[in-house]
Protein backbone atom coordinates (compact mmCIF):
# COMPACT_ATOMS: atom_id res chain seq x y z
CA MET A 1 -4.81 -28.61 82.76
CA THR A 2 -2.29 -27.41 85.35
CA LYS A 3 -0.89 -24.03 85.28
CA LYS A 4 2.62 -25.56 84.46
CA ASN A 5 1.22 -27.44 81.42
CA GLN A 6 -0.55 -24.14 80.25
CA ILE A 7 3.10 -22.28 80.52
CA LEU A 8 4.56 -24.87 78.63
CA LEU A 9 2.01 -25.04 75.82
CA ILE A 10 2.19 -21.11 75.52
CA LEU A 11 6.05 -21.38 75.50
CA ALA A 12 5.45 -24.02 72.78
CA ILE A 13 3.42 -21.92 70.70
CA THR A 14 5.41 -18.79 71.22
CA LEU A 15 8.38 -20.90 69.94
CA SER A 16 6.83 -22.70 66.97
CA VAL A 17 5.68 -19.46 65.13
CA PRO A 18 9.03 -18.09 64.37
CA LEU A 19 9.94 -21.60 63.21
CA LEU A 20 6.92 -21.92 61.29
CA ILE A 21 7.48 -18.65 59.51
CA VAL A 22 11.00 -19.47 58.88
CA ALA A 23 9.84 -23.00 57.31
CA THR A 24 7.41 -21.19 55.14
CA LEU A 25 9.91 -18.51 53.92
CA PHE A 26 12.42 -21.46 53.17
CA ALA A 27 9.96 -23.48 51.19
CA ALA A 28 9.14 -20.27 49.54
CA THR A 29 12.62 -20.01 48.22
CA PHE A 30 12.19 -23.15 46.18
CA HIS A 31 8.81 -22.03 45.01
CA PHE A 32 10.31 -18.73 43.68
CA ASN A 33 13.20 -20.27 41.86
CA GLY A 34 13.44 -18.99 38.39
CA LYS A 35 9.90 -17.08 38.69
CA THR A 36 8.59 -13.79 39.12
CA ILE A 37 9.42 -11.91 42.18
CA PRO A 38 6.68 -11.05 44.97
CA SER A 39 4.46 -7.96 45.08
CA GLN A 40 4.30 -7.71 41.35
CA LYS A 41 0.71 -7.13 39.87
CA TYR A 42 -0.77 -6.59 36.44
CA LEU A 43 -4.20 -4.74 36.36
CA ASP A 44 -4.20 -5.20 40.11
CA LYS A 45 -3.93 -8.91 39.74
CA ASN A 46 -1.16 -10.90 41.48
CA ILE A 47 1.45 -12.19 39.23
CA SER A 48 4.01 -13.34 41.51
CA GLY A 49 5.74 -16.62 41.65
CA LEU A 50 5.09 -17.45 37.98
CA SER A 51 7.27 -18.95 35.23
CA TYR A 52 7.65 -17.09 31.85
CA GLN A 53 4.97 -19.40 30.35
CA GLU A 54 2.59 -19.20 33.20
CA LEU A 55 2.97 -15.37 33.20
CA ASN A 56 2.16 -15.03 29.37
CA SER A 57 -0.78 -17.33 29.93
CA LYS A 58 -2.00 -15.18 32.74
CA LEU A 59 -1.50 -12.03 31.30
CA SER A 60 -3.35 -13.17 28.02
CA LEU A 61 -6.25 -14.21 30.20
CA LEU A 62 -6.38 -10.67 32.11
CA ASP A 63 -6.16 -9.11 28.83
CA ASN A 64 -9.16 -11.03 27.49
CA LYS A 65 -11.01 -10.19 31.05
CA LEU A 66 -9.84 -6.53 30.12
CA ASN A 67 -11.80 -6.67 26.89
CA GLN A 68 -14.87 -7.62 28.54
CA THR A 69 -14.81 -4.83 31.18
CA GLN A 70 -17.66 -2.51 30.71
CA ALA A 71 -16.87 1.17 30.90
CA THR A 72 -19.32 4.16 31.29
CA LEU A 73 -19.20 6.73 28.56
CA VAL A 74 -20.68 10.21 29.39
CA HIS A 75 -21.41 12.87 26.61
CA GLU A 76 -23.03 15.96 27.87
CA ASP A 77 -26.35 14.87 29.65
CA GLU A 78 -26.28 11.13 28.03
CA SER A 79 -24.28 8.44 29.35
CA THR A 80 -24.03 4.63 28.23
CA LYS A 81 -21.92 1.56 28.74
CA VAL A 82 -19.78 -0.25 26.40
CA PHE A 83 -17.16 -3.12 26.38
CA LEU A 84 -13.65 -1.92 26.16
CA GLU A 85 -13.45 -4.38 23.14
CA GLU A 86 -15.57 -2.03 21.24
CA LEU A 87 -13.21 0.72 21.61
CA ILE A 88 -9.49 -0.61 21.60
CA GLN A 89 -7.33 -2.72 19.76
CA ASP A 90 -6.35 -6.10 21.38
CA PRO A 91 -4.54 -5.10 24.28
CA SER A 92 -0.50 -5.73 24.18
CA HIS A 93 1.44 -7.27 27.21
CA GLU A 94 4.78 -7.49 25.11
CA GLU A 95 6.49 -4.75 27.26
CA VAL A 96 5.22 -6.27 30.42
CA LEU A 97 6.82 -9.65 29.80
CA LYS A 98 10.04 -7.78 29.07
CA SER A 99 9.78 -5.61 32.39
CA THR A 100 8.67 -8.09 34.72
CA LEU A 101 11.38 -9.11 37.15
CA PHE A 102 12.38 -12.67 37.35
CA TYR A 103 14.77 -14.63 39.96
CA LYS A 104 17.85 -15.93 38.01
CA GLY A 105 17.96 -18.70 40.41
CA ARG A 106 16.70 -19.58 43.91
CA PRO A 107 16.42 -16.57 46.29
CA THR A 108 17.58 -16.17 49.41
CA ILE A 109 14.97 -15.39 52.32
CA ALA A 110 16.55 -11.93 52.73
CA GLN A 111 15.85 -11.37 48.86
CA LEU A 112 12.36 -12.83 49.44
CA LEU A 113 11.68 -10.50 52.40
CA LYS A 114 13.06 -7.18 50.80
CA ASP A 115 11.26 -7.87 47.42
CA SER A 116 8.02 -8.30 49.28
CA PHE A 117 8.08 -4.86 50.35
CA ASN A 118 8.81 -3.31 46.70
CA SER A 119 5.73 -3.59 44.89
CA GLN A 120 5.43 -3.18 41.14
CA LYS A 121 2.21 -2.46 39.16
CA TYR A 122 1.99 -3.09 35.37
CA TYR A 123 -0.62 -2.34 32.68
CA PRO A 124 -1.10 -3.33 28.84
CA ASN A 125 -0.35 -0.99 26.29
CA ILE A 126 -3.90 -0.19 24.65
CA GLU A 127 -4.38 1.61 21.48
CA LEU A 128 -7.64 3.07 20.34
CA ASP A 129 -9.40 1.42 17.31
CA GLN A 130 -10.58 4.96 16.07
CA SER A 131 -12.89 3.30 13.49
CA GLN A 132 -14.65 0.80 15.86
CA ALA A 133 -14.91 3.25 18.46
CA THR A 134 -16.61 5.74 16.26
CA GLU A 135 -19.16 3.22 15.16
CA ALA A 136 -20.02 2.00 18.59
CA ILE A 137 -20.19 5.28 20.41
CA SER A 138 -22.09 6.88 17.59
CA SER A 139 -24.63 3.99 17.81
CA LYS A 140 -25.09 4.65 21.50
CA LEU A 141 -24.70 8.43 21.97
CA GLN A 142 -27.56 10.31 20.09
CA ASN A 143 -26.29 13.71 20.89
CA LEU A 144 -23.49 13.33 18.18
CA THR A 145 -24.21 14.74 14.82
CA PRO A 146 -22.40 12.78 12.40
CA THR A 147 -20.40 14.72 9.70
CA LEU A 148 -21.18 13.67 6.16
CA ASN A 149 -19.71 14.45 2.91
CA ALA A 150 -21.67 15.14 -0.19
CA SER A 151 -23.18 11.87 -1.82
CA ILE A 152 -25.54 10.96 -4.76
CA ASP A 153 -28.83 9.43 -4.39
CA LYS A 154 -30.13 6.63 -6.50
CA ASN A 155 -31.23 8.89 -9.33
CA GLY A 156 -27.69 10.53 -9.60
CA GLN A 157 -28.92 13.85 -7.88
CA ILE A 158 -26.17 15.48 -5.74
CA ILE A 159 -27.08 15.45 -1.87
CA ASP A 160 -25.39 18.28 0.01
CA SER A 161 -22.88 17.71 2.70
CA GLN A 162 -23.56 18.00 6.59
CA ASP A 163 -21.16 19.38 9.25
CA GLY A 164 -21.28 17.80 12.61
CA LEU A 165 -19.48 16.83 15.43
CA SER A 166 -16.24 14.24 15.50
CA ILE A 167 -15.02 12.37 18.74
CA ASP A 168 -11.76 13.95 20.10
CA MET A 169 -9.87 10.90 19.48
CA GLU A 170 -6.67 12.17 21.24
CA ASN A 171 -8.53 12.96 24.55
CA LEU A 172 -10.33 9.55 24.44
CA GLN A 173 -6.97 7.75 24.21
CA ASN A 174 -5.96 9.31 27.22
CA GLN A 175 -9.02 8.64 29.25
CA LEU A 176 -8.63 4.96 28.30
CA GLU A 177 -5.18 4.88 29.61
CA ASN A 178 -6.17 6.72 32.80
CA TYR A 179 -9.33 4.33 33.04
CA LEU A 180 -7.02 1.21 33.53
CA THR A 181 -5.66 2.80 36.96
CA LYS A 182 -8.74 4.73 38.36
CA LYS A 183 -11.66 2.90 36.70
CA ASP A 184 -13.45 6.15 36.47
CA ILE A 185 -16.30 7.31 33.86
CA ILE A 186 -14.90 8.27 30.40
CA ASN A 187 -16.24 11.49 29.10
CA VAL A 188 -16.31 11.70 25.46
CA ASP A 189 -15.39 15.13 24.08
CA THR A 190 -16.22 16.28 20.65
CA ILE A 191 -14.79 18.57 18.22
CA SER A 192 -16.87 20.47 15.47
CA THR A 193 -15.98 19.15 12.03
CA GLN A 194 -16.70 20.40 8.65
CA ALA A 195 -17.40 18.07 5.50
CA GLU A 196 -14.38 17.15 3.36
CA VAL A 197 -16.54 17.21 0.12
CA THR A 198 -19.49 19.33 -0.63
CA SER A 199 -22.08 19.60 -3.30
CA LYS A 200 -19.87 22.53 -4.60
CA ASP A 201 -17.38 20.15 -5.25
CA LEU A 202 -19.36 17.61 -7.30
CA SER A 203 -21.63 19.90 -9.31
CA PRO A 204 -19.23 20.59 -12.27
CA PHE A 205 -19.38 16.90 -12.83
CA GLN A 206 -23.08 16.39 -12.94
CA ALA A 207 -22.87 15.35 -16.56
CA ASN A 208 -20.22 12.75 -15.85
CA ILE A 209 -22.46 11.56 -13.16
CA ASP A 210 -25.54 11.13 -15.54
CA TYR A 211 -23.24 9.27 -18.02
CA LEU A 212 -22.56 6.69 -15.05
CA LYS A 213 -25.93 5.99 -14.55
CA GLU A 214 -26.76 5.30 -18.03
CA ASN A 215 -23.82 3.43 -18.95
CA SER A 216 -22.41 0.05 -17.45
CA LEU A 217 -18.85 -0.23 -16.31
CA THR A 218 -16.84 -3.08 -18.47
CA LEU A 219 -15.02 -5.49 -16.30
CA LEU A 220 -12.39 -7.58 -18.15
CA ILE A 221 -10.51 -10.84 -16.64
CA SER A 222 -8.72 -13.41 -18.66
CA ASP A 223 -11.06 -13.89 -21.48
CA LYS A 224 -14.22 -12.90 -19.90
CA GLU A 225 -16.20 -9.45 -19.90
CA TYR A 226 -18.75 -8.36 -17.27
CA GLU A 227 -21.12 -5.47 -17.36
CA LEU A 228 -21.56 -3.54 -14.05
CA SER A 229 -24.36 -1.22 -13.79
CA LEU A 230 -24.82 1.44 -11.27
CA PHE A 231 -28.29 2.77 -12.64
CA ASP A 232 -30.19 2.00 -9.22
CA ASN A 233 -26.73 2.03 -7.00
CA LEU A 234 -25.04 5.37 -7.59
CA ASP A 235 -26.11 5.92 -3.68
CA GLN A 236 -23.33 3.29 -3.05
CA ILE A 237 -20.71 5.69 -4.26
CA GLU A 238 -18.87 7.39 -1.31
CA PHE A 239 -16.41 10.65 -1.58
CA SER A 240 -13.69 11.53 0.72
CA ARG A 241 -10.28 13.34 0.41
CA ASP A 242 -6.85 12.00 0.78
CA GLU A 243 -3.78 13.63 2.40
CA ASN A 244 -3.14 15.38 -0.48
CA GLU A 245 -6.56 16.89 -0.51
CA SER A 246 -7.64 15.05 -3.58
CA ILE A 247 -11.20 13.74 -3.81
CA GLN A 248 -11.27 10.05 -3.59
CA VAL A 249 -14.11 7.87 -4.99
CA ASN A 250 -15.09 4.59 -3.37
CA LEU A 251 -17.83 2.10 -4.05
CA SER A 252 -19.53 0.70 -1.02
CA THR A 253 -17.19 -2.17 0.15
CA ASP A 254 -20.18 -4.36 0.84
CA PHE A 255 -22.00 -3.73 -2.53
CA ILE A 256 -18.58 -4.23 -4.66
CA THR A 257 -17.63 -7.06 -2.68
CA ASN A 258 -20.97 -8.97 -3.11
CA TYR A 259 -21.15 -8.11 -6.93
CA LEU A 260 -17.54 -9.80 -7.46
CA ASN A 261 -18.18 -12.62 -5.21
CA ARG A 262 -21.68 -13.26 -6.83
CA VAL A 263 -21.03 -12.82 -10.50
CA VAL A 264 -17.20 -12.93 -11.30
CA ARG A 265 -15.44 -14.99 -8.78
CA PRO A 266 -17.54 -18.08 -9.51
CA ASP A 267 -16.62 -17.92 -13.30
CA ILE A 268 -12.77 -17.45 -12.86
CA LYS A 269 -11.90 -19.49 -9.76
CA ILE A 270 -10.18 -22.76 -10.52
CA GLU A 271 -9.52 -25.06 -7.40
CA PRO A 272 -5.85 -26.10 -6.94
CA GLY A 273 -4.46 -29.37 -7.83
CA LYS A 274 -2.76 -31.83 -5.53
CA LEU A 275 1.08 -31.94 -4.39
CA THR A 276 2.36 -34.94 -2.79
CA LEU A 277 5.52 -35.11 -0.58
CA THR A 278 6.80 -38.59 -0.20
CA TYR A 279 9.80 -39.61 1.81
CA ASN A 280 12.54 -41.15 -0.22
CA GLU A 281 14.58 -43.60 1.97
CA GLU A 282 17.08 -44.24 -0.74
CA THR A 283 18.13 -40.77 -0.99
CA GLU A 284 17.00 -39.53 2.35
CA LYS A 285 15.21 -36.75 0.68
CA VAL A 286 11.57 -35.77 -0.12
CA ASP A 287 10.11 -36.34 -3.59
CA PHE A 288 7.44 -33.93 -4.94
CA GLU A 289 4.83 -35.06 -7.23
CA SER A 290 2.18 -32.43 -8.66
CA ASP A 291 -0.70 -32.77 -10.84
CA SER A 292 0.04 -29.60 -12.46
CA THR A 293 -3.29 -28.05 -11.99
CA LYS A 294 -2.88 -24.23 -11.00
CA GLY A 295 -5.41 -22.75 -8.50
CA VAL A 296 -6.63 -19.36 -9.49
CA ASP A 297 -8.99 -17.14 -7.68
CA LEU A 298 -9.96 -13.22 -7.92
CA ASN A 299 -7.88 -10.77 -6.06
CA VAL A 300 -11.00 -9.28 -4.59
CA GLU A 301 -8.99 -6.36 -2.92
CA GLY A 302 -6.92 -5.27 -6.11
CA SER A 303 -10.24 -5.61 -8.05
CA ILE A 304 -12.23 -3.41 -5.69
CA ASP A 305 -9.19 -0.82 -6.13
CA ALA A 306 -9.32 -0.83 -9.93
CA VAL A 307 -13.27 -0.42 -9.92
CA ASN A 308 -12.65 2.47 -7.54
CA LEU A 309 -9.98 4.17 -9.69
CA ALA A 310 -12.40 3.66 -12.88
CA ILE A 311 -15.06 5.41 -11.29
CA GLN A 312 -13.06 8.19 -10.02
CA SER A 313 -11.74 8.72 -13.69
CA GLN A 314 -15.09 8.65 -15.01
CA ILE A 315 -16.62 11.13 -12.66
CA PHE A 316 -13.77 13.88 -12.93
CA SER A 317 -12.01 13.01 -16.18
CA ALA A 318 -14.70 11.68 -18.39
CA GLN A 319 -12.61 8.78 -19.23
CA GLN A 320 -14.50 5.50 -20.09
CA ASN A 321 -11.94 2.91 -19.89
CA PRO A 322 -12.28 -0.93 -19.51
CA ILE A 323 -11.48 -2.30 -15.76
CA TYR A 324 -8.70 -5.13 -15.79
CA LEU A 325 -9.68 -7.37 -12.89
CA SER A 326 -6.61 -9.24 -11.42
CA THR A 327 -6.18 -12.78 -10.04
CA ILE A 328 -4.12 -14.71 -7.47
CA ASP A 329 -2.53 -18.22 -7.41
CA LEU A 330 -3.81 -20.63 -5.09
CA GLU A 331 -1.47 -22.92 -3.34
CA PRO A 332 -1.94 -26.66 -4.04
CA THR A 333 -3.71 -29.11 -1.68
CA LEU A 334 -1.16 -31.04 0.33
CA GLU A 335 -0.89 -34.82 0.47
CA ILE A 336 1.82 -35.69 2.86
CA ASP A 337 3.57 -39.00 3.50
CA PRO A 338 2.68 -40.31 7.00
CA VAL A 339 6.28 -40.59 8.00
CA LEU A 340 6.88 -37.07 7.39
CA LYS A 341 3.39 -36.11 9.22
CA GLU A 342 4.37 -37.87 12.15
CA GLN A 343 7.36 -35.88 12.65
CA GLY A 344 5.47 -32.64 12.19
CA VAL A 345 5.50 -31.86 8.67
CA THR A 346 1.62 -30.63 8.22
CA GLU A 347 1.80 -27.48 6.28
CA LEU A 348 3.41 -24.89 3.89
CA ILE A 349 5.21 -22.49 6.41
CA GLU A 350 6.51 -19.78 3.76
CA THR A 351 7.56 -19.26 0.49
CA GLY A 352 10.71 -17.25 -0.77
CA TYR A 353 10.15 -15.61 -4.23
CA THR A 354 12.57 -13.76 -6.58
CA THR A 355 12.74 -13.21 -10.44
CA PHE A 356 15.98 -13.07 -12.59
CA ARG A 357 14.45 -11.63 -15.63
CA GLY A 358 17.09 -10.38 -18.06
CA SER A 359 19.64 -13.34 -17.07
CA THR A 360 21.73 -14.80 -19.79
CA TYR A 361 21.71 -18.40 -20.79
CA ASN A 362 24.56 -19.61 -18.72
CA ARG A 363 23.13 -17.76 -15.43
CA ILE A 364 19.80 -19.48 -15.77
CA THR A 365 21.54 -22.90 -16.14
CA ASN A 366 23.29 -22.27 -12.98
CA ILE A 367 20.35 -21.17 -10.90
CA ASN A 368 18.35 -24.43 -12.20
CA VAL A 369 21.06 -26.58 -11.18
CA GLY A 370 21.36 -25.14 -7.79
CA MET A 371 17.89 -24.96 -7.33
CA ALA A 372 17.47 -28.72 -7.89
CA THR A 373 20.47 -29.44 -5.55
CA PHE A 374 18.20 -28.07 -2.38
CA ASN A 375 15.28 -29.53 -3.52
CA GLY A 376 13.79 -32.31 -1.44
CA LEU A 377 16.25 -31.70 1.67
CA ILE A 378 15.23 -32.15 5.09
CA ILE A 379 16.20 -29.62 7.80
CA GLN A 380 16.10 -31.19 11.31
CA PRO A 381 15.04 -29.10 14.38
CA ASP A 382 17.61 -26.90 15.94
CA GLU A 383 19.95 -27.59 12.87
CA GLU A 384 22.10 -24.86 11.88
CA PHE A 385 21.73 -24.97 7.95
CA SER A 386 24.59 -24.04 5.92
CA PHE A 387 23.94 -23.41 2.22
CA ASN A 388 27.61 -24.13 1.09
CA GLU A 389 27.59 -27.20 3.04
CA ASN A 390 24.65 -28.53 1.17
CA LEU A 391 25.67 -26.88 -2.20
CA GLY A 392 28.35 -29.70 -3.24
CA PRO A 393 31.23 -28.89 -5.71
CA VAL A 394 30.63 -26.07 -8.16
CA ASP A 395 32.13 -27.07 -11.44
CA ALA A 396 31.50 -28.60 -14.82
CA SER A 397 30.96 -31.98 -13.31
CA THR A 398 28.02 -30.84 -11.49
CA GLY A 399 26.43 -29.41 -14.42
CA TYR A 400 27.41 -25.48 -13.79
CA VAL A 401 28.75 -23.42 -16.66
CA PRO A 402 30.67 -20.19 -16.72
CA GLU A 403 29.08 -16.98 -15.62
CA LEU A 404 29.79 -13.59 -14.17
CA VAL A 405 30.98 -13.29 -10.61
CA ILE A 406 32.43 -10.34 -8.45
CA LYS A 407 36.09 -10.46 -8.00
CA SER A 408 38.82 -8.26 -7.36
CA ILE A 409 39.82 -7.40 -11.05
CA GLY A 410 36.21 -6.91 -12.06
CA THR A 411 33.08 -9.01 -12.95
CA ILE A 412 34.61 -11.92 -14.50
CA PRO A 413 33.20 -15.66 -15.56
CA GLU A 414 33.39 -18.32 -13.29
CA TYR A 415 31.60 -21.80 -12.79
CA GLY A 416 28.46 -21.12 -10.65
CA GLY A 417 27.80 -17.72 -11.51
CA GLY A 418 24.13 -16.77 -10.39
CA LEU A 419 24.01 -18.97 -7.64
CA CYS A 420 23.34 -16.06 -5.31
CA GLN A 421 19.91 -15.87 -6.92
CA VAL A 422 19.31 -19.33 -5.36
CA SER A 423 20.76 -18.18 -1.83
CA SER A 424 18.91 -14.97 -1.88
CA THR A 425 15.50 -16.81 -2.78
CA MET A 426 16.24 -19.17 0.14
CA TYR A 427 17.12 -16.43 2.47
CA ARG A 428 13.66 -14.67 1.67
CA ALA A 429 12.17 -18.08 2.55
CA ALA A 430 14.02 -18.35 5.94
CA LEU A 431 13.13 -14.46 6.76
CA MET A 432 9.45 -14.90 5.97
CA SER A 433 9.23 -18.33 8.08
CA GLY A 434 10.52 -16.47 11.11
CA LEU A 435 13.98 -18.65 11.21
CA GLU A 436 17.15 -17.26 13.06
CA ILE A 437 19.44 -16.05 10.49
CA THR A 438 22.92 -16.71 11.97
CA GLU A 439 25.12 -15.69 9.00
CA ARG A 440 24.14 -13.43 5.78
CA ASP A 441 25.98 -10.91 3.79
CA ASN A 442 24.97 -8.48 1.15
CA HIS A 443 26.68 -8.37 -2.17
CA SER A 444 29.38 -5.84 -2.27
CA TYR A 445 27.54 -3.71 -4.65
CA ALA A 446 23.98 -3.55 -5.55
CA VAL A 447 22.78 -6.00 -8.38
CA SER A 448 19.72 -5.45 -10.24
CA TYR A 449 18.45 -8.76 -10.25
CA TYR A 450 17.86 -8.90 -6.59
CA ALA A 451 15.85 -5.61 -6.69
CA GLN A 452 13.06 -7.11 -9.23
CA VAL A 453 10.78 -8.22 -6.19
CA LEU A 454 10.57 -5.87 -3.33
CA GLY A 455 13.59 -3.82 -4.06
CA HIS A 456 17.37 -3.79 -2.76
CA GLY A 457 18.17 -5.11 0.58
CA LEU A 458 17.24 -8.73 0.83
CA ASP A 459 20.06 -10.25 -1.33
CA ALA A 460 22.19 -12.93 0.51
CA THR A 461 25.77 -13.37 -1.59
CA ILE A 462 27.75 -16.65 -1.05
CA TYR A 463 30.96 -18.16 -2.30
CA PRO A 464 32.37 -21.43 -1.04
CA GLY A 465 34.83 -21.24 1.64
CA VAL A 466 34.46 -17.42 1.93
CA LYS A 467 30.72 -16.39 2.45
CA ASP A 468 27.84 -18.53 3.34
CA LEU A 469 24.13 -18.21 4.21
CA LYS A 470 23.25 -19.79 7.44
CA PHE A 471 19.93 -19.96 9.72
CA ILE A 472 18.68 -22.19 12.48
CA ASN A 473 15.52 -24.26 12.15
CA ASN A 474 13.82 -22.69 15.48
CA THR A 475 10.26 -24.40 14.62
CA GLY A 476 10.91 -27.36 16.89
CA TYR A 477 9.83 -29.62 13.59
CA PRO A 478 11.94 -30.67 10.51
CA ILE A 479 11.42 -28.50 7.77
CA VAL A 480 11.13 -29.99 4.13
CA VAL A 481 12.53 -27.53 1.46
CA GLN A 482 11.05 -27.60 -2.03
CA ALA A 483 13.12 -25.64 -4.45
CA TYR A 484 12.29 -25.09 -8.31
CA ALA A 485 12.36 -22.22 -10.97
CA GLU A 486 9.37 -21.40 -13.53
CA GLY A 487 10.53 -19.29 -16.40
CA THR A 488 12.35 -16.54 -14.80
CA SER A 489 11.05 -17.05 -11.35
CA ALA A 490 12.71 -18.77 -8.40
CA TYR A 491 10.68 -20.33 -5.60
CA PHE A 492 11.78 -21.98 -2.29
CA LYS A 493 8.87 -23.31 -0.07
CA PHE A 494 9.29 -24.55 3.34
CA TYR A 495 6.80 -27.29 4.86
CA GLY A 496 6.78 -28.28 8.49
CA THR A 497 4.86 -26.69 11.37
CA LYS A 498 4.44 -22.96 11.84
CA HIS A 499 5.86 -21.55 15.23
CA ILE A 500 4.77 -17.83 14.70
CA ASP A 501 1.84 -16.38 13.37
CA ARG A 502 3.47 -14.30 10.71
CA VAL A 503 6.44 -12.09 9.70
CA GLU A 504 6.00 -8.52 8.15
CA LEU A 505 8.80 -6.98 6.26
CA VAL A 506 9.01 -3.24 6.23
CA GLY A 507 11.35 -1.38 3.81
CA PRO A 508 13.56 -0.70 2.05
CA VAL A 509 14.72 2.73 3.21
CA ASN A 510 17.65 3.70 0.97
CA SER A 511 20.01 6.26 2.09
CA ASN A 512 23.78 7.53 2.30
CA TYR A 513 24.24 7.61 -1.50
CA ARG A 514 27.83 7.52 -2.89
CA SER A 515 28.84 8.27 -6.36
CA PRO A 516 31.34 6.28 -8.18
CA GLY A 517 35.01 7.08 -8.26
CA PRO A 518 37.23 7.87 -11.15
CA GLN A 519 37.67 4.97 -13.77
CA SER A 520 40.20 2.53 -13.05
CA VAL A 521 42.68 1.06 -15.81
CA THR A 522 44.82 -1.96 -15.53
CA VAL A 523 47.36 -3.08 -18.11
CA ASN A 524 47.44 -6.44 -19.65
CA PRO A 525 50.95 -7.00 -21.42
CA ASN A 526 49.37 -9.84 -23.25
CA LEU A 527 46.72 -7.94 -24.96
CA PRO A 528 47.18 -6.75 -28.59
CA ALA A 529 47.86 -2.86 -29.03
CA GLY A 530 44.51 -0.74 -28.76
CA THR A 531 42.50 -3.18 -26.85
CA VAL A 532 40.37 -1.97 -24.09
CA LYS A 533 38.05 -4.44 -21.86
CA VAL A 534 35.11 -3.25 -19.60
CA MET A 535 35.16 -5.38 -16.52
CA ASP A 536 32.79 -3.04 -14.48
CA ASN A 537 30.58 -0.49 -15.25
CA PRO A 538 29.89 2.29 -12.69
CA VAL A 539 27.44 1.54 -9.89
CA THR A 540 25.86 4.17 -7.24
CA GLY A 541 26.62 2.95 -3.67
CA PHE A 542 23.83 3.13 -0.75
CA ASP A 543 22.68 1.82 2.31
CA SER A 544 19.84 -0.30 2.33
CA TYR A 545 17.57 -0.81 5.62
CA TRP A 546 14.80 -3.18 6.37
CA GLN A 547 12.85 -4.23 9.54
CA ARG A 548 11.80 -7.86 9.90
CA ILE A 549 8.77 -7.84 12.41
CA ILE A 550 7.61 -11.49 13.88
CA TYR A 551 4.55 -11.80 15.49
CA ASP A 552 4.07 -15.02 17.65
CA LYS A 553 0.97 -16.91 18.22
CA ASP A 554 -0.17 -14.37 21.07
CA ASN A 555 0.43 -11.48 18.41
CA ASN A 556 3.49 -10.43 20.52
CA LYS A 557 6.01 -9.04 18.15
CA THR A 558 9.85 -9.23 17.83
CA THR A 559 11.51 -6.34 15.68
CA GLU A 560 15.03 -7.21 14.02
CA ASP A 561 17.15 -4.74 11.77
CA ILE A 562 18.31 -6.05 8.36
CA PHE A 563 21.18 -3.47 7.06
CA SER A 564 22.76 -3.73 3.67
CA ASP A 565 25.90 -1.50 2.83
CA TYR A 566 26.60 -1.38 -1.05
CA ARG A 567 29.73 0.18 -2.17
CA ALA A 568 30.09 2.30 -5.17
CA VAL A 569 31.74 0.69 -8.02
CA ASN A 570 33.99 2.91 -10.44
CA SER A 571 34.22 1.82 -14.12
CA LYS A 572 36.98 -0.62 -14.49
CA LEU A 573 39.01 -1.20 -17.66
CA VAL A 574 41.87 -3.86 -18.77
CA VAL A 575 43.86 -2.47 -21.49
CA SER A 576 46.85 -3.19 -23.67
CA PRO A 577 50.46 -1.76 -22.71
CA ASP A 578 49.80 1.37 -24.70
CA TYR A 579 47.04 2.76 -22.39
CA TYR A 580 48.23 4.01 -18.73
CA ASP A 581 48.17 1.99 -15.46
CA THR A 582 46.53 2.38 -12.23
CA LYS A 583 46.36 0.19 -9.24
CA GLU A 584 43.49 -1.87 -7.92
CA GLU A 585 42.10 -2.39 -4.52
CA PRO A 586 41.44 -6.28 -3.78
CA SER A 587 37.95 -7.24 -2.97
CA THR A 588 36.24 -10.64 -1.83
CA PRO A 589 34.93 -12.76 -4.65
CA GLU A 590 31.07 -13.32 -4.88
CA SER A 591 28.54 -15.16 -6.99
CA ILE A 592 26.43 -12.88 -8.70
């Protein structure tokens, strides 16, 4: 190659490098459009240039890898290795998803260059699983002397307690958080701990323990009776203290669970019947057909609590009472029309449940008519469902009868009184299904019917043309509504495809109580002399607060507040002209 050509080649390369860099940066602006900005890391792994969905998937993958990481634990002169999943709950990257920076659109080259030099590091939120960590560490480090409460041997003799060492959980939590950034060894610090229950605590009750050895516990459920003998199993009883320093008695969970599953459960379990969902082309609704066999199973958790309480009463109070075990209802097996199944109606999503014990005949009539109106409806994906738009006319022609509603002059009869029981039940189904609530009002004052299940604060009042219940079907699939009443219980069941893992309702927290005001009296000139009609009884006002926690399929949670403001209601009278007059303040009408 001639010297001239060499110079031209060097010149071409020199000019092409900047052009190549510019071209690369220009292409990068398209790649980063709407994605995470450069120089962001999670657990020291690059998370730049990802969409929200890609980021969530990558964070989940990195969380799983973190769980499988082995850490070195050291206590005194001992060391061992444990997987982090043996010490912690599942890592949460929810806050990281909220904090990670995204471009809102296509960035400029200048933005890319600037952001490339502003590094961001993120780490998951990790929480120590104290029970799991104690078990894992104690099994691998021999120098940890366990603290043991007093216990009973097979023969009913009391075994004394043992003081020992417990793990300093607060220090361990801090070291685990530091481990994420430093990957250093984890020093297990210990605290000297004393047993909560000693032989001195149990000795006065030796006679009661002996009685328990010689006499079986009587378990009752339905029309069946079982005898649970602890003759050779007194060593399965465990003692501890609760937050009030009271001694608690528990049978070994494995022992009592095995007994209930082996002896009791096979006797009382009834497999549920079949529920058929069929699409009706004529009505464009869904028909439900059931063989009416109700499924029943043993409530194992509740039954264990009942057994433990009975043993505690026998040991410390010498009370020998039969133990009543409890059951749970089983949902029927579903047979779903292929037409519905193809659209994504595959399972029961959730159930809304209320009771209306103490209702009048007219109120019960209106509730049943209202429930039938919504039975079989299909709520399409992304549809904003309106209770009032689907309710139809509320008058005698549709089967409704006069019953109490809340009006400005008091609580008076009107067609459809009691429909709020229907809307409140549907509201609870929508809440538990994780649907987006777009309109909901609580009653102006607290109504006792809606507190019979879960307490106040989860009611939804409606009045056509004034107040409505609305929510959006954000599941991505149709929702089939089943609505019915059994006795004085109301149910709304939503069928479709679950788009979340679960919903938790936390509450109620009631506060800001307000006393009723002075009695209000209205004169009606048409009433005979000496007439007094009670329109409202006094009701205390208060605020009620709930939280709805929605967990998605990756266990990330979203928290929403539910606030209800119930006004205080003074006593209201309507009287004849020979009584005195007071003014009334108008209020919005509501169904009760």
